[in-house]
Amino acid sequence: MNTSEYFDQLVDHLLSCKSNEALAQALQGLLTPSETVEISKRLQIFRMLEAGVPQREIAKQLGVGIATVTRGSRVLKSEESE
């Protein structure tokens, strides 16, 4: 099985959750506490970028590197062009 198939299985597993509580439990079972924090921060990066917060301010507020914020910005821009 390749990485793409593993990812597809992960997506299927998460989509099979019937409630927010079940999804939260699935994520807690799959991720370490630090992974949960990092993924949550990445979601906040997207939201703050969409709200027009400057990248350096996002990095400062969330305690992440500017490269992490820039990566999020590139992802958003590529989604907009699709």
C-alpha atoms as a PDB file:
ATOM      1  CA  MET A   1       0.000   0.000   0.000  1.00  0.00           C
ATOM      2  CA  ASN A   2       1.364   3.447  -0.840  1.00  0.00           C
ATOM      3  CA  THR A   3       1.151   6.752   1.010  1.00  0.00           C
ATOM      4  CA  SER A   4      -1.740   7.947  -1.139  1.00  0.00           C
ATOM      5  CA  GLU A   5      -3.790   4.898  -0.219  1.00  0.00           C
ATOM      6  CA  TYR A   6      -3.021   5.433   3.476  1.00  0.00           C
ATOM      7  CA  PHE A   7      -4.173   9.028   3.179  1.00  0.00           C
ATOM      8  CA  ASP A   8      -7.367   7.962   1.416  1.00  0.00           C
ATOM      9  CA  GLN A   9      -8.062   5.503   4.227  1.00  0.00           C
ATOM     10  CA  LEU A  10      -7.511   8.254   6.791  1.00  0.00           C
ATOM     11  CA  VAL A  11      -9.969  10.533   5.005  1.00  0.00           C
ATOM     12  CA  ASP A  12     -12.527   7.722   4.765  1.00  0.00           C
ATOM     13  CA  HIS A  13     -12.094   6.955   8.470  1.00  0.00           C
ATOM     14  CA  LEU A  14     -12.641  10.563   9.484  1.00  0.00           C
ATOM     15  CA  LEU A  15     -15.618  10.977   7.156  1.00  0.00           C
ATOM     16  CA  SER A  16     -17.256   7.917   8.683  1.00  0.00           C
ATOM     17  CA  CYS A  17     -17.587   9.683  12.038  1.00  0.00           C
ATOM     18  CA  LYS A  18     -21.252  10.327  12.743  1.00  0.00           C
ATOM     19  CA  SER A  19     -20.862  13.309  15.092  1.00  0.00           C
ATOM     20  CA  ASN A  20     -18.447  16.013  16.157  1.00  0.00           C
ATOM     21  CA  GLU A  21     -17.792  14.041  19.337  1.00  0.00           C
ATOM     22  CA  ALA A  22     -16.951  10.900  17.371  1.00  0.00           C
ATOM     23  CA  LEU A  23     -14.631  12.905  15.117  1.00  0.00           C
ATOM     24  CA  ALA A  24     -12.904  14.460  18.133  1.00  0.00           C
ATOM     25  CA  GLN A  25     -12.410  11.005  19.641  1.00  0.00           C
ATOM     26  CA  ALA A  26     -11.021   9.666  16.363  1.00  0.00           C
ATOM     27  CA  LEU A  27      -8.543  12.524  16.119  1.00  0.00           C
ATOM     28  CA  GLN A  28      -7.483  12.128  19.747  1.00  0.00           C
ATOM     29  CA  GLY A  29      -6.888   8.450  19.094  1.00  0.00           C
ATOM     30  CA  LEU A  30      -4.813   9.101  15.983  1.00  0.00           C
ATOM     31  CA  LEU A  31      -2.782  12.131  17.054  1.00  0.00           C
ATOM     32  CA  THR A  32      -0.478  12.924  19.927  1.00  0.00           C
ATOM     33  CA  PRO A  33      -1.343  16.016  21.980  1.00  0.00           C
ATOM     34  CA  SER A  34       1.464  17.977  20.285  1.00  0.00           C
ATOM     35  CA  GLU A  35       0.256  16.935  16.810  1.00  0.00           C
ATOM     36  CA  THR A  36      -3.242  18.122  17.742  1.00  0.00           C
ATOM     37  CA  VAL A  37      -1.843  21.515  18.791  1.00  0.00           C
ATOM     38  CA  GLU A  38       0.193  21.858  15.587  1.00  0.00           C
ATOM     39  CA  ILE A  39      -2.729  20.961  13.313  1.00  0.00           C
ATOM     40  CA  SER A  40      -4.973  23.366  15.227  1.00  0.00           C
ATOM     41  CA  LYS A  41      -2.416  26.139  14.758  1.00  0.00           C
ATOM     42  CA  ARG A  42      -2.274  25.469  11.020  1.00  0.00           C
ATOM     43  CA  LEU A  43      -6.040  25.857  10.806  1.00  0.00           C
ATOM     44  CA  GLN A  44      -5.735  29.160  12.699  1.00  0.00           C
ATOM     45  CA  ILE A  45      -3.068  30.267  10.215  1.00  0.00           C
ATOM     46  CA  PHE A  46      -5.553  29.753   7.354  1.00  0.00           C
ATOM     47  CA  ARG A  47      -8.302  31.629   9.186  1.00  0.00           C
ATOM     48  CA  MET A  48      -6.031  34.534  10.119  1.00  0.00           C
ATOM     49  CA  LEU A  49      -4.669  34.790   6.565  1.00  0.00           C
ATOM     50  CA  GLU A  50      -8.223  34.840   5.210  1.00  0.00           C
ATOM     51  CA  ALA A  51      -9.017  37.628   7.704  1.00  0.00           C
ATOM     52  CA  GLY A  52      -6.119  39.684   6.349  1.00  0.00           C
ATOM     53  CA  VAL A  53      -3.784  39.427   9.350  1.00  0.00           C
ATOM     54  CA  PRO A  54      -0.163  40.057   8.269  1.00  0.00           C
ATOM     55  CA  GLN A  55       2.024  36.957   8.119  1.00  0.00           C
ATOM     56  CA  ARG A  56       4.550  38.214  10.681  1.00  0.00           C
ATOM     57  CA  GLU A  57       1.757  39.001  13.132  1.00  0.00           C
ATOM     58  CA  ILE A  58       0.331  35.497  12.687  1.00  0.00           C
ATOM     59  CA  ALA A  59       3.742  33.968  13.359  1.00  0.00           C
ATOM     60  CA  LYS A  60       4.124  36.078  16.484  1.00  0.00           C
ATOM     61  CA  GLN A  61       0.623  35.413  17.850  1.00  0.00           C
ATOM     62  CA  LEU A  62       0.737  31.658  17.258  1.00  0.00           C
ATOM     63  CA  GLY A  63       4.405  31.132  18.088  1.00  0.00           C
ATOM     64  CA  VAL A  64       5.200  29.531  14.740  1.00  0.00           C
ATOM     65  CA  GLY A  65       7.897  30.212  12.178  1.00  0.00           C
ATOM     66  CA  ILE A  66       7.292  32.605   9.341  1.00  0.00           C
ATOM     67  CA  ALA A  67       7.984  29.735   6.914  1.00  0.00           C
ATOM     68  CA  THR A  68       4.989  27.856   8.345  1.00  0.00           C
ATOM     69  CA  VAL A  69       2.753  30.866   7.768  1.00  0.00           C
ATOM     70  CA  THR A  70       4.150  31.404   4.275  1.00  0.00           C
ATOM     71  CA  ARG A  71       3.432  27.770   3.436  1.00  0.00           C
ATOM     72  CA  GLY A  72      -0.173  28.274   4.542  1.00  0.00           C
ATOM     73  CA  SER A  73      -0.391  31.376   2.378  1.00  0.00           C
ATOM     74  CA  ARG A  74       0.861  29.460  -0.667  1.00  0.00           C
ATOM     75  CA  VAL A  75      -1.716  26.716  -0.071  1.00  0.00           C
ATOM     76  CA  LEU A  76      -4.541  29.262   0.113  1.00  0.00           C
ATOM     77  CA  LYS A  77      -3.350  30.976  -3.061  1.00  0.00           C
ATOM     78  CA  SER A  78      -3.165  27.673  -4.936  1.00  0.00           C
ATOM     79  CA  GLU A  79      -6.712  26.800  -3.809  1.00  0.00           C
ATOM     80  CA  GLU A  80      -7.945  30.174  -5.089  1.00  0.00           C
ATOM     81  CA  SER A  81      -6.425  29.591  -8.523  1.00  0.00           C
ATOM     82  CA  GLU A  82      -8.057  26.174  -8.967  1.00  0.00           C
END
